[in-house]
Every structure is written in C-alpha cells, then in structure tokens.
C-alpha atoms as a PDB file:
ATOM      1  CA  UNK A   1       5.221  -7.850  -3.606  1.00  0.00           C
ATOM      2  CA  UNK A   2       4.168  -6.482  -7.003  1.00  0.00           C
ATOM      3  CA  UNK A   3       4.657  -2.897  -8.114  1.00  0.00           C
ATOM      4  CA  UNK A   4       2.984  -1.076 -11.021  1.00  0.00           C
ATOM      5  CA  UNK A   5       2.465   2.490 -12.192  1.00  0.00           C
ATOM      6  CA  UNK A   6      -0.873   3.950 -13.231  1.00  0.00           C
ATOM      7  CA  UNK A   7      -2.275   7.450 -13.555  1.00  0.00           C
ATOM      8  CA  UNK A   8      -5.415   9.345 -12.629  1.00  0.00           C
ATOM      9  CA  UNK A   9      -7.708  10.660 -15.375  1.00  0.00           C
ATOM     10  CA  UNK A  10      -9.129  14.180 -15.498  1.00  0.00           C
ATOM     11  CA  UNK A  11     -12.298  12.686 -13.959  1.00  0.00           C
ATOM     12  CA  UNK A  12     -10.392  11.294 -10.958  1.00  0.00           C
ATOM     13  CA  UNK A  13     -10.518   7.711 -12.206  1.00  0.00           C
ATOM     14  CA  UNK A  14      -7.581   5.388 -11.598  1.00  0.00           C
ATOM     15  CA  UNK A  15      -7.064   2.146 -13.507  1.00  0.00           C
ATOM     16  CA  UNK A  16      -5.852  -0.825 -11.483  1.00  0.00           C
ATOM     17  CA  UNK A  17      -3.406  -2.647 -13.769  1.00  0.00           C
ATOM     18  CA  UNK A  18      -4.849  -5.906 -15.098  1.00  0.00           C
ATOM     19  CA  UNK A  19      -2.104  -8.032 -13.538  1.00  0.00           C
ATOM     20  CA  UNK A  20      -3.013  -6.640 -10.082  1.00  0.00           C
ATOM     21  CA  UNK A  21      -6.785  -7.033 -10.208  1.00  0.00           C
ATOM     22  CA  UNK A  22      -6.731 -10.645  -9.019  1.00  0.00           C
ATOM     23  CA  UNK A  23     -10.026 -11.214  -7.234  1.00  0.00           C
ATOM     24  CA  UNK A  24     -11.287  -7.631  -7.616  1.00  0.00           C
ATOM     25  CA  UNK A  25     -14.447  -7.545  -9.716  1.00  0.00           C
ATOM     26  CA  UNK A  26     -16.623  -4.819 -11.187  1.00  0.00           C
ATOM     27  CA  UNK A  27     -18.748  -3.317  -8.421  1.00  0.00           C
ATOM     28  CA  UNK A  28     -16.480  -4.414  -5.557  1.00  0.00           C
ATOM     29  CA  UNK A  29     -15.962  -1.720  -2.942  1.00  0.00           C
ATOM     30  CA  UNK A  30     -12.420  -0.625  -2.144  1.00  0.00           C
ATOM     31  CA  UNK A  31     -11.140   1.142   0.956  1.00  0.00           C
ATOM     32  CA  UNK A  32      -8.555   3.845   0.301  1.00  0.00           C
ATOM     33  CA  UNK A  33      -6.526   5.277   3.161  1.00  0.00           C
ATOM     34  CA  UNK A  34      -4.607   8.511   2.554  1.00  0.00           C
ATOM     35  CA  UNK A  35      -1.777   9.495   4.831  1.00  0.00           C
ATOM     36  CA  UNK A  36       0.577  12.335   3.914  1.00  0.00           C
ATOM     37  CA  UNK A  37       0.804  11.588   0.198  1.00  0.00           C
ATOM     38  CA  UNK A  38       0.495   7.809   0.519  1.00  0.00           C
ATOM     39  CA  UNK A  39      -2.511   5.804  -0.648  1.00  0.00           C
ATOM     40  CA  UNK A  40      -3.283   2.297   0.555  1.00  0.00           C
ATOM     41  CA  UNK A  41      -6.068   0.386  -1.197  1.00  0.00           C
ATOM     42  CA  UNK A  42      -7.841  -2.763  -0.007  1.00  0.00           C
ATOM     43  CA  UNK A  43     -11.017  -4.621  -0.872  1.00  0.00           C
ATOM     44  CA  UNK A  44     -13.700  -3.509   1.582  1.00  0.00           C
ATOM     45  CA  UNK A  45     -15.059  -7.060   1.891  1.00  0.00           C
ATOM     46  CA  UNK A  46     -11.833  -8.155   3.549  1.00  0.00           C
ATOM     47  CA  UNK A  47     -11.795  -5.403   6.163  1.00  0.00           C
ATOM     48  CA  UNK A  48     -13.305  -7.215   9.107  1.00  0.00           C
ATOM     49  CA  UNK A  49     -10.324  -9.283  10.168  1.00  0.00           C
ATOM     50  CA  UNK A  50      -7.555  -7.326   8.475  1.00  0.00           C
ATOM     51  CA  UNK A  51      -8.288  -3.637   9.119  1.00  0.00           C
ATOM     52  CA  UNK A  52      -6.261  -3.449  12.330  1.00  0.00           C
ATOM     53  CA  UNK A  53      -3.338  -5.146  10.582  1.00  0.00           C
ATOM     54  CA  UNK A  54      -3.564  -2.762   7.620  1.00  0.00           C
ATOM     55  CA  UNK A  55      -3.680   0.308   9.842  1.00  0.00           C
ATOM     56  CA  UNK A  56      -0.610  -0.916  11.734  1.00  0.00           C
ATOM     57  CA  UNK A  57       1.184  -1.427   8.409  1.00  0.00           C
ATOM     58  CA  UNK A  58       0.232   2.131   7.391  1.00  0.00           C
ATOM     59  CA  UNK A  59       1.547   3.473  10.711  1.00  0.00           C
ATOM     60  CA  UNK A  60       4.857   1.645  10.309  1.00  0.00           C
ATOM     61  CA  UNK A  61       5.150   2.812   6.709  1.00  0.00           C
ATOM     62  CA  UNK A  62       4.651   6.409   7.839  1.00  0.00           C
ATOM     63  CA  UNK A  63       7.331   5.990  10.510  1.00  0.00           C
ATOM     64  CA  UNK A  64       9.732   4.613   7.893  1.00  0.00           C
ATOM     65  CA  UNK A  65       9.088   7.543   5.513  1.00  0.00           C
ATOM     66  CA  UNK A  66       9.768  10.013   8.325  1.00  0.00           C
ATOM     67  CA  UNK A  67      13.086   8.284   9.103  1.00  0.00           C
ATOM     68  CA  UNK A  68      14.049   8.447   5.419  1.00  0.00           C
ATOM     69  CA  UNK A  69      13.128  12.143   5.208  1.00  0.00           C
ATOM     70  CA  UNK A  70      15.278  12.793   8.292  1.00  0.00           C
ATOM     71  CA  UNK A  71      18.240  11.105   6.594  1.00  0.00           C
ATOM     72  CA  UNK A  72      18.090   8.105   8.929  1.00  0.00           C
ATOM     73  CA  UNK A  73      17.127   5.569   6.264  1.00  0.00           C
ATOM     74  CA  UNK A  74      19.308   2.615   5.381  1.00  0.00           C
ATOM     75  CA  UNK A  75      19.915   0.921   2.033  1.00  0.00           C
ATOM     76  CA  UNK A  76      19.461  -2.813   1.566  1.00  0.00           C
ATOM     77  CA  UNK A  77      18.806  -5.170  -1.297  1.00  0.00           C
ATOM     78  CA  UNK A  78      15.261  -6.290  -2.064  1.00  0.00           C
ATOM     79  CA  UNK A  79      15.471  -9.750  -0.446  1.00  0.00           C
ATOM     80  CA  UNK A  80      16.840  -8.297   2.793  1.00  0.00           C
ATOM     81  CA  UNK A  81      14.048  -5.703   2.744  1.00  0.00           C
ATOM     82  CA  UNK A  82      11.385  -8.403   2.364  1.00  0.00           C
ATOM     83  CA  UNK A  83      12.938 -10.419   5.207  1.00  0.00           C
ATOM     84  CA  UNK A  84      12.949  -7.298   7.397  1.00  0.00           C
ATOM     85  CA  UNK A  85       9.288  -6.557   6.598  1.00  0.00           C
ATOM     86  CA  UNK A  86       8.298 -10.097   7.625  1.00  0.00           C
ATOM     87  CA  UNK A  87       9.627  -9.378  11.126  1.00  0.00           C
ATOM     88  CA  UNK A  88       7.119  -6.541  11.596  1.00  0.00           C
END
C-alpha cells in the first residue's frame, strides 16, 4: 500500500502524485466515494467487477474508524496490519 499527501486548489482541483498515477491517463474517469470525511478514488473503467468489493472495503473502513473513535481501536505494526487486512 502506498501513501501520499496532496492538497486541493482554490478551484477544487486535486493533483494525484506522479508516483501514484500508474495506469491513469489524461481524460480517464475516476469514481470518488465520500463517506463521513473519507474519500475513496478508483478508475471508473474498472468498476464493473470491482465495485461491490470496493463498497465492502469502504463499509469495513467506516466500521474501523467508528471503533477507533469509540476508543476500541488496537495498535499493531504495519506488517501485522497488512496481514489482518488480507483476511477481510
């Protein structure tokens, strides 16, 4: 999993960092899902087979954030976290 920080311009434009663009090209459509302060972005051309999977990931992410906000979160190192995410 890669992580980067970007910012939104005064015109509402957001730059996707170069190292994360991969197979995204000028003119490609992107789906953005907003859920209580979270944004999930995905190429629209890949939605057909993966949308259900992405929505389930968003649901599980929301559940995890709620647990953290309630003080029920747990700490673990990055590798353990990745292993745990693979189980879902």
